Amino acid sequence: MKFKFSHHAQYRMYLREISTLDVKDIINYPDFTEFQNNGKMLKVKYISDKGKVAVVYRMRGNEFIIITVYYED
């Protein structure tokens, strides 16, 4: 599977010091998953040194299009 990051997601990851490996781990092994009505997926995982991190993405073929990444309360 390929991962493609929007500029917005890259910027948010940079600000929050979240790596691409963190994002891949969240998508592959989430603690919580939500299917959104617009074709997007939300996955959340607790990461010990960062807390709960959420990833919103969309699938296009065999590619994960990462839209945004943020901390969840």
PDB file of N, CA and C in Angstrom:
ATOM      1  N   MET A   1       0.826  -1.179   0.000  1.00  0.00           N
ATOM      2  CA  MET A   1       0.000   0.000   0.000  1.00  0.00           C
ATOM      3  C   MET A   1       0.876   1.251   0.000  1.00  0.00           C
ATOM      4  N   LYS A   2       0.427   2.249  -0.721  1.00  0.00           N
ATOM      5  CA  LYS A   2       1.140   3.516  -0.791  1.00  0.00           C
ATOM      6  C   LYS A   2       0.458   4.543   0.111  1.00  0.00           C
ATOM      7  N   PHE A   3       1.236   5.433   0.650  1.00  0.00           N
ATOM      8  CA  PHE A   3       0.731   6.513   1.482  1.00  0.00           C
ATOM      9  C   PHE A   3       1.093   7.838   0.830  1.00  0.00           C
ATOM     10  N   LYS A   4       0.087   8.683   0.629  1.00  0.00           N
ATOM     11  CA  LYS A   4       0.312  10.008   0.065  1.00  0.00           C
ATOM     12  C   LYS A   4      -0.220  11.028   1.074  1.00  0.00           C
ATOM     13  N   PHE A   5       0.593  12.013   1.408  1.00  0.00           N
ATOM     14  CA  PHE A   5       0.258  12.984   2.434  1.00  0.00           C
ATOM     15  C   PHE A   5      -0.049  14.338   1.802  1.00  0.00           C
ATOM     16  N   SER A   6      -1.205  14.916   2.178  1.00  0.00           N
ATOM     17  CA  SER A   6      -1.521  16.267   1.720  1.00  0.00           C
ATOM     18  C   SER A   6      -0.537  17.237   2.367  1.00  0.00           C
ATOM     19  N   HIS A   7      -0.413  18.421   1.795  1.00  0.00           N
ATOM     20  CA  HIS A   7       0.462  19.435   2.387  1.00  0.00           C
ATOM     21  C   HIS A   7      -0.021  19.784   3.792  1.00  0.00           C
ATOM     22  N   HIS A   8      -1.328  19.850   3.950  1.00  0.00           N
ATOM     23  CA  HIS A   8      -1.921  20.139   5.258  1.00  0.00           C
ATOM     24  C   HIS A   8      -1.502  19.085   6.291  1.00  0.00           C
ATOM     25  N   ALA A   9      -1.604  17.825   5.930  1.00  0.00           N
ATOM     26  CA  ALA A   9      -1.223  16.743   6.842  1.00  0.00           C
ATOM     27  C   ALA A   9       0.267  16.809   7.171  1.00  0.00           C
ATOM     28  N   GLN A  10       1.094  17.060   6.177  1.00  0.00           N
ATOM     29  CA  GLN A  10       2.538  17.157   6.412  1.00  0.00           C
ATOM     30  C   GLN A  10       2.865  18.285   7.385  1.00  0.00           C
ATOM     31  N   TYR A  11       2.191  19.409   7.219  1.00  0.00           N
ATOM     32  CA  TYR A  11       2.425  20.553   8.095  1.00  0.00           C
ATOM     33  C   TYR A  11       1.988  20.233   9.526  1.00  0.00           C
ATOM     34  N   ARG A  12       0.815  19.618   9.675  1.00  0.00           N
ATOM     35  CA  ARG A  12       0.314  19.254  11.001  1.00  0.00           C
ATOM     36  C   ARG A  12       1.237  18.225  11.664  1.00  0.00           C
ATOM     37  N   MET A  13       1.735  17.283  10.899  1.00  0.00           N
ATOM     38  CA  MET A  13       2.658  16.286  11.446  1.00  0.00           C
ATOM     39  C   MET A  13       3.947  16.955  11.908  1.00  0.00           C
ATOM     40  N   TYR A  14       4.434  17.897  11.126  1.00  0.00           N
ATOM     41  CA  TYR A  14       5.650  18.622  11.481  1.00  0.00           C
ATOM     42  C   TYR A  14       5.455  19.378  12.797  1.00  0.00           C
ATOM     43  N   LEU A  15       4.331  20.111  12.913  1.00  0.00           N
ATOM     44  CA  LEU A  15       4.051  20.892  14.122  1.00  0.00           C
ATOM     45  C   LEU A  15       3.948  20.011  15.366  1.00  0.00           C
ATOM     46  N   ARG A  16       3.391  18.823  15.195  1.00  0.00           N
ATOM     47  CA  ARG A  16       3.122  17.936  16.329  1.00  0.00           C
ATOM     48  C   ARG A  16       4.176  16.840  16.516  1.00  0.00           C
ATOM     49  N   GLU A  17       5.193  16.869  15.673  1.00  0.00           N
ATOM     50  CA  GLU A  17       6.263  15.875  15.730  1.00  0.00           C
ATOM     51  C   GLU A  17       5.725  14.447  15.639  1.00  0.00           C
ATOM     52  N   ILE A  18       4.821  14.246  14.675  1.00  0.00           N
ATOM     53  CA  ILE A  18       4.247  12.931  14.403  1.00  0.00           C
ATOM     54  C   ILE A  18       4.885  12.410  13.122  1.00  0.00           C
ATOM     55  N   SER A  19       5.475  11.241  13.184  1.00  0.00           N
ATOM     56  CA  SER A  19       6.205  10.695  12.037  1.00  0.00           C
ATOM     57  C   SER A  19       5.283   9.944  11.077  1.00  0.00           C
ATOM     58  N   THR A  20       5.794   9.683   9.887  1.00  0.00           N
ATOM     59  CA  THR A  20       5.042   8.872   8.928  1.00  0.00           C
ATOM     60  C   THR A  20       4.855   7.455   9.475  1.00  0.00           C
ATOM     61  N   LEU A  21       5.826   6.964  10.239  1.00  0.00           N
ATOM     62  CA  LEU A  21       5.680   5.641  10.857  1.00  0.00           C
ATOM     63  C   LEU A  21       4.548   5.635  11.878  1.00  0.00           C
ATOM     64  N   ASP A  22       4.398   6.740  12.629  1.00  0.00           N
ATOM     65  CA  ASP A  22       3.273   6.861  13.562  1.00  0.00           C
ATOM     66  C   ASP A  22       1.954   6.770  12.801  1.00  0.00           C
ATOM     67  N   VAL A  23       1.849   7.502  11.698  1.00  0.00           N
ATOM     68  CA  VAL A  23       0.614   7.524  10.908  1.00  0.00           C
ATOM     69  C   VAL A  23       0.308   6.133  10.360  1.00  0.00           C
ATOM     70  N   LYS A  24       1.299   5.460   9.833  1.00  0.00           N
ATOM     71  CA  LYS A  24       1.097   4.108   9.302  1.00  0.00           C
ATOM     72  C   LYS A  24       0.653   3.150  10.410  1.00  0.00           C
ATOM     73  N   ASP A  25       1.233   3.294  11.589  1.00  0.00           N
ATOM     74  CA  ASP A  25       0.853   2.454  12.731  1.00  0.00           C
ATOM     75  C   ASP A  25      -0.590   2.729  13.153  1.00  0.00           C
ATOM     76  N   ILE A  26      -0.994   3.989  13.155  1.00  0.00           N
ATOM     77  CA  ILE A  26      -2.368   4.354  13.512  1.00  0.00           C
ATOM     78  C   ILE A  26      -3.355   3.740  12.527  1.00  0.00           C
ATOM     79  N   ILE A  27      -3.043   3.824  11.243  1.00  0.00           N
ATOM     80  CA  ILE A  27      -3.943   3.284  10.216  1.00  0.00           C
ATOM     81  C   ILE A  27      -4.012   1.756  10.291  1.00  0.00           C
ATOM     82  N   ASN A  28      -2.883   1.117  10.497  1.00  0.00           N
ATOM     83  CA  ASN A  28      -2.858  -0.351  10.502  1.00  0.00           C
ATOM     84  C   ASN A  28      -3.340  -0.983  11.809  1.00  0.00           C
ATOM     85  N   TYR A  29      -3.150  -0.290  12.936  1.00  0.00           N
ATOM     86  CA  TYR A  29      -3.491  -0.862  14.249  1.00  0.00           C
ATOM     87  C   TYR A  29      -4.201   0.172  15.131  1.00  0.00           C
ATOM     88  N   PRO A  30      -5.372   0.655  14.707  1.00  0.00           N
ATOM     89  CA  PRO A  30      -6.051   1.711  15.467  1.00  0.00           C
ATOM     90  C   PRO A  30      -6.725   1.176  16.734  1.00  0.00           C
ATOM     91  N   ASP A  31      -6.925   2.091  17.684  1.00  0.00           N
ATOM     92  CA  ASP A  31      -7.741   1.792  18.860  1.00  0.00           C
ATOM     93  C   ASP A  31      -9.212   2.086  18.570  1.00  0.00           C
ATOM     94  N   PHE A  32      -9.467   2.970  17.621  1.00  0.00           N
ATOM     95  CA  PHE A  32     -10.824   3.393  17.269  1.00  0.00           C
ATOM     96  C   PHE A  32     -10.882   3.683  15.785  1.00  0.00           C
ATOM     97  N   THR A  33     -11.974   3.278  15.137  1.00  0.00           N
ATOM     98  CA  THR A  33     -12.185   3.530  13.710  1.00  0.00           C
ATOM     99  C   THR A  33     -13.594   4.060  13.499  1.00  0.00           C
ATOM    100  N   GLU A  34     -13.715   5.063  12.632  1.00  0.00           N
ATOM    101  CA  GLU A  34     -15.034   5.606  12.302  1.00  0.00           C
ATOM    102  C   GLU A  34     -15.114   5.824  10.796  1.00  0.00           C
ATOM    103  N   PHE A  35     -16.158   5.270  10.190  1.00  0.00           N
ATOM    104  CA  PHE A  35     -16.424   5.503   8.779  1.00  0.00           C
ATOM    105  C   PHE A  35     -17.244   6.778   8.694  1.00  0.00           C
ATOM    106  N   GLN A  36     -16.770   7.757   7.941  1.00  0.00           N
ATOM    107  CA  GLN A  36     -17.498   9.012   7.811  1.00  0.00           C
ATOM    108  C   GLN A  36     -18.331   8.985   6.540  1.00  0.00           C
ATOM    109  N   ASN A  37     -19.393   9.778   6.513  1.00  0.00           N
ATOM    110  CA  ASN A  37     -20.352   9.712   5.413  1.00  0.00           C
ATOM    111  C   ASN A  37     -19.826  10.250   4.083  1.00  0.00           C
ATOM    112  N   ASN A  38     -18.690  10.897   4.066  1.00  0.00           N
ATOM    113  CA  ASN A  38     -18.161  11.470   2.838  1.00  0.00           C
ATOM    114  C   ASN A  38     -17.033  10.637   2.227  1.00  0.00           C
ATOM    115  N   GLY A  39     -16.957   9.374   2.606  1.00  0.00           N
ATOM    116  CA  GLY A  39     -15.941   8.483   2.062  1.00  0.00           C
ATOM    117  C   GLY A  39     -14.609   8.542   2.780  1.00  0.00           C
ATOM    118  N   LYS A  40     -14.556   9.306   3.861  1.00  0.00           N
ATOM    119  CA  LYS A  40     -13.318   9.419   4.621  1.00  0.00           C
ATOM    120  C   LYS A  40     -13.341   8.440   5.792  1.00  0.00           C
ATOM    121  N   MET A  41     -12.163   8.133   6.289  1.00  0.00           N
ATOM    122  CA  MET A  41     -12.003   7.269   7.457  1.00  0.00           C
ATOM    123  C   MET A  41     -11.282   8.055   8.537  1.00  0.00           C
ATOM    124  N   LEU A  42     -11.699   7.842   9.778  1.00  0.00           N
ATOM    125  CA  LEU A  42     -11.027   8.412  10.933  1.00  0.00           C
ATOM    126  C   LEU A  42     -10.503   7.259  11.761  1.00  0.00           C
ATOM    127  N   LYS A  43      -9.229   7.280  12.067  1.00  0.00           N
ATOM    128  CA  LYS A  43      -8.638   6.260  12.933  1.00  0.00           C
ATOM    129  C   LYS A  43      -7.866   6.971  14.038  1.00  0.00           C
ATOM    130  N   VAL A  44      -7.998   6.432  15.252  1.00  0.00           N
ATOM    131  CA  VAL A  44      -7.371   7.039  16.421  1.00  0.00           C
ATOM    132  C   VAL A  44      -6.591   5.967  17.165  1.00  0.00           C
ATOM    133  N   LYS A  45      -5.428   6.367  17.680  1.00  0.00           N
ATOM    134  CA  LYS A  45      -4.616   5.444  18.470  1.00  0.00           C
ATOM    135  C   LYS A  45      -3.906   6.224  19.564  1.00  0.00           C
ATOM    136  N   TYR A  46      -3.801   5.608  20.726  1.00  0.00           N
ATOM    137  CA  TYR A  46      -3.036   6.190  21.823  1.00  0.00           C
ATOM    138  C   TYR A  46      -1.562   5.855  21.604  1.00  0.00           C
ATOM    139  N   ILE A  47      -0.734   6.885  21.539  1.00  0.00           N
ATOM    140  CA  ILE A  47       0.708   6.721  21.408  1.00  0.00           C
ATOM    141  C   ILE A  47       1.317   7.266  22.700  1.00  0.00           C
ATOM    142  N   SER A  48       2.091   6.462  23.383  1.00  0.00           N
ATOM    143  CA  SER A  48       2.515   6.754  24.753  1.00  0.00           C
ATOM    144  C   SER A  48       3.140   8.135  24.950  1.00  0.00           C
ATOM    145  N   ASP A  49       3.983   8.574  24.043  1.00  0.00           N
ATOM    146  CA  ASP A  49       4.639   9.868  24.246  1.00  0.00           C
ATOM    147  C   ASP A  49       3.883  11.048  23.633  1.00  0.00           C
ATOM    148  N   LYS A  50       2.752  10.783  22.963  1.00  0.00           N
ATOM    149  CA  LYS A  50       1.997  11.844  22.300  1.00  0.00           C
ATOM    150  C   LYS A  50       0.533  11.912  22.726  1.00  0.00           C
ATOM    151  N   GLY A  51       0.006  10.866  23.307  1.00  0.00           N
ATOM    152  CA  GLY A  51      -1.415  10.809  23.643  1.00  0.00           C
ATOM    153  C   GLY A  51      -2.219  10.243  22.483  1.00  0.00           C
ATOM    154  N   LYS A  52      -3.499  10.622  22.414  1.00  0.00           N
ATOM    155  CA  LYS A  52      -4.366  10.142  21.333  1.00  0.00           C
ATOM    156  C   LYS A  52      -4.102  10.945  20.067  1.00  0.00           C
ATOM    157  N   VAL A  53      -3.794  10.234  18.999  1.00  0.00           N
ATOM    158  CA  VAL A  53      -3.530  10.877  17.712  1.00  0.00           C
ATOM    159  C   VAL A  53      -4.559  10.359  16.709  1.00  0.00           C
ATOM    160  N   ALA A  54      -5.179  11.293  15.978  1.00  0.00           N
ATOM    161  CA  ALA A  54      -6.198  10.940  14.992  1.00  0.00           C
ATOM    162  C   ALA A  54      -5.668  11.190  13.584  1.00  0.00           C
ATOM    163  N   VAL A  55      -6.050  10.311  12.672  1.00  0.00           N
ATOM    164  CA  VAL A  55      -5.686  10.429  11.259  1.00  0.00           C
ATOM    165  C   VAL A  55      -6.964  10.340  10.434  1.00  0.00           C
ATOM    166  N   VAL A  56      -7.153  11.296   9.541  1.00  0.00           N
ATOM    167  CA  VAL A  56      -8.276  11.265   8.600  1.00  0.00           C
ATOM    168  C   VAL A  56      -7.691  11.026   7.221  1.00  0.00           C
ATOM    169  N   TYR A  57      -8.246  10.031   6.541  1.00  0.00           N
ATOM    170  CA  TYR A  57      -7.732   9.693   5.206  1.00  0.00           C
ATOM    171  C   TYR A  57      -8.846   9.194   4.314  1.00  0.00           C
ATOM    172  N   ARG A  58      -8.520   9.079   3.053  1.00  0.00           N
ATOM    173  CA  ARG A  58      -9.430   8.555   2.033  1.00  0.00           C
ATOM    174  C   ARG A  58      -8.651   7.522   1.229  1.00  0.00           C
ATOM    175  N   MET A  59      -9.333   6.487   0.788  1.00  0.00           N
ATOM    176  CA  MET A  59      -8.701   5.476  -0.065  1.00  0.00           C
ATOM    177  C   MET A  59      -8.930   5.840  -1.531  1.00  0.00           C
ATOM    178  N   ARG A  60      -7.878   5.688  -2.324  1.00  0.00           N
ATOM    179  CA  ARG A  60      -7.991   5.833  -3.779  1.00  0.00           C
ATOM    180  C   ARG A  60      -7.220   4.678  -4.377  1.00  0.00           C
ATOM    181  N   GLY A  61      -7.949   3.674  -4.847  1.00  0.00           N
ATOM    182  CA  GLY A  61      -7.297   2.457  -5.328  1.00  0.00           C
ATOM    183  C   GLY A  61      -6.589   1.784  -4.174  1.00  0.00           C
ATOM    184  N   ASN A  62      -5.293   1.558  -4.310  1.00  0.00           N
ATOM    185  CA  ASN A  62      -4.520   0.947  -3.221  1.00  0.00           C
ATOM    186  C   ASN A  62      -3.657   1.992  -2.513  1.00  0.00           C
ATOM    187  N   GLU A  63      -4.115   3.251  -2.546  1.00  0.00           N
ATOM    188  CA  GLU A  63      -3.349   4.351  -1.981  1.00  0.00           C
ATOM    189  C   GLU A  63      -4.126   5.012  -0.835  1.00  0.00           C
ATOM    190  N   PHE A  64      -3.445   5.250   0.274  1.00  0.00           N
ATOM    191  CA  PHE A  64      -4.012   5.993   1.388  1.00  0.00           C
ATOM    192  C   PHE A  64      -3.686   7.472   1.170  1.00  0.00           C
ATOM    193  N   ILE A  65      -4.692   8.299   1.055  1.00  0.00           N
ATOM    194  CA  ILE A  65      -4.505   9.740   0.919  1.00  0.00           C
ATOM    195  C   ILE A  65      -4.744  10.350   2.303  1.00  0.00           C
ATOM    196  N   ILE A  66      -3.677  10.757   2.979  1.00  0.00           N
ATOM    197  CA  ILE A  66      -3.771  11.288   4.326  1.00  0.00           C
ATOM    198  C   ILE A  66      -4.179  12.760   4.232  1.00  0.00           C
ATOM    199  N   ILE A  67      -5.337  13.081   4.818  1.00  0.00           N
ATOM    200  CA  ILE A  67      -5.896  14.431   4.718  1.00  0.00           C
ATOM    201  C   ILE A  67      -5.435  15.318   5.864  1.00  0.00           C
ATOM    202  N   THR A  68      -5.517  14.801   7.100  1.00  0.00           N
ATOM    203  CA  THR A  68      -5.080  15.564   8.244  1.00  0.00           C
ATOM    204  C   THR A  68      -4.701  14.640   9.399  1.00  0.00           C
ATOM    205  N   VAL A  69      -3.942  15.192  10.326  1.00  0.00           N
ATOM    206  CA  VAL A  69      -3.484  14.461  11.511  1.00  0.00           C
ATOM    207  C   VAL A  69      -3.591  15.427  12.684  1.00  0.00           C
ATOM    208  N   TYR A  70      -4.170  14.966  13.796  1.00  0.00           N
ATOM    209  CA  TYR A  70      -4.320  15.875  14.927  1.00  0.00           C
ATOM    210  C   TYR A  70      -4.394  15.088  16.233  1.00  0.00           C
ATOM    211  N   TYR A  71      -4.207  15.832  17.341  1.00  0.00           N
ATOM    212  CA  TYR A  71      -4.378  15.251  18.668  1.00  0.00           C
ATOM    213  C   TYR A  71      -5.860  15.249  19.008  1.00  0.00           C
ATOM    214  N   GLU A  72      -6.304  14.193  19.649  1.00  0.00           N
ATOM    215  CA  GLU A  72      -7.700  14.087  20.057  1.00  0.00           C
ATOM    216  C   GLU A  72      -7.761  14.144  21.584  1.00  0.00           C
ATOM    217  N   ASP A  73      -8.779  14.813  22.090  1.00  0.00           N
ATOM    218  CA  ASP A  73      -8.947  14.932  23.545  1.00  0.00           C
ATOM    219  C   ASP A  73      -9.484  13.674  24.158  1.00  0.00           C
TER     220      ASP A  73
END
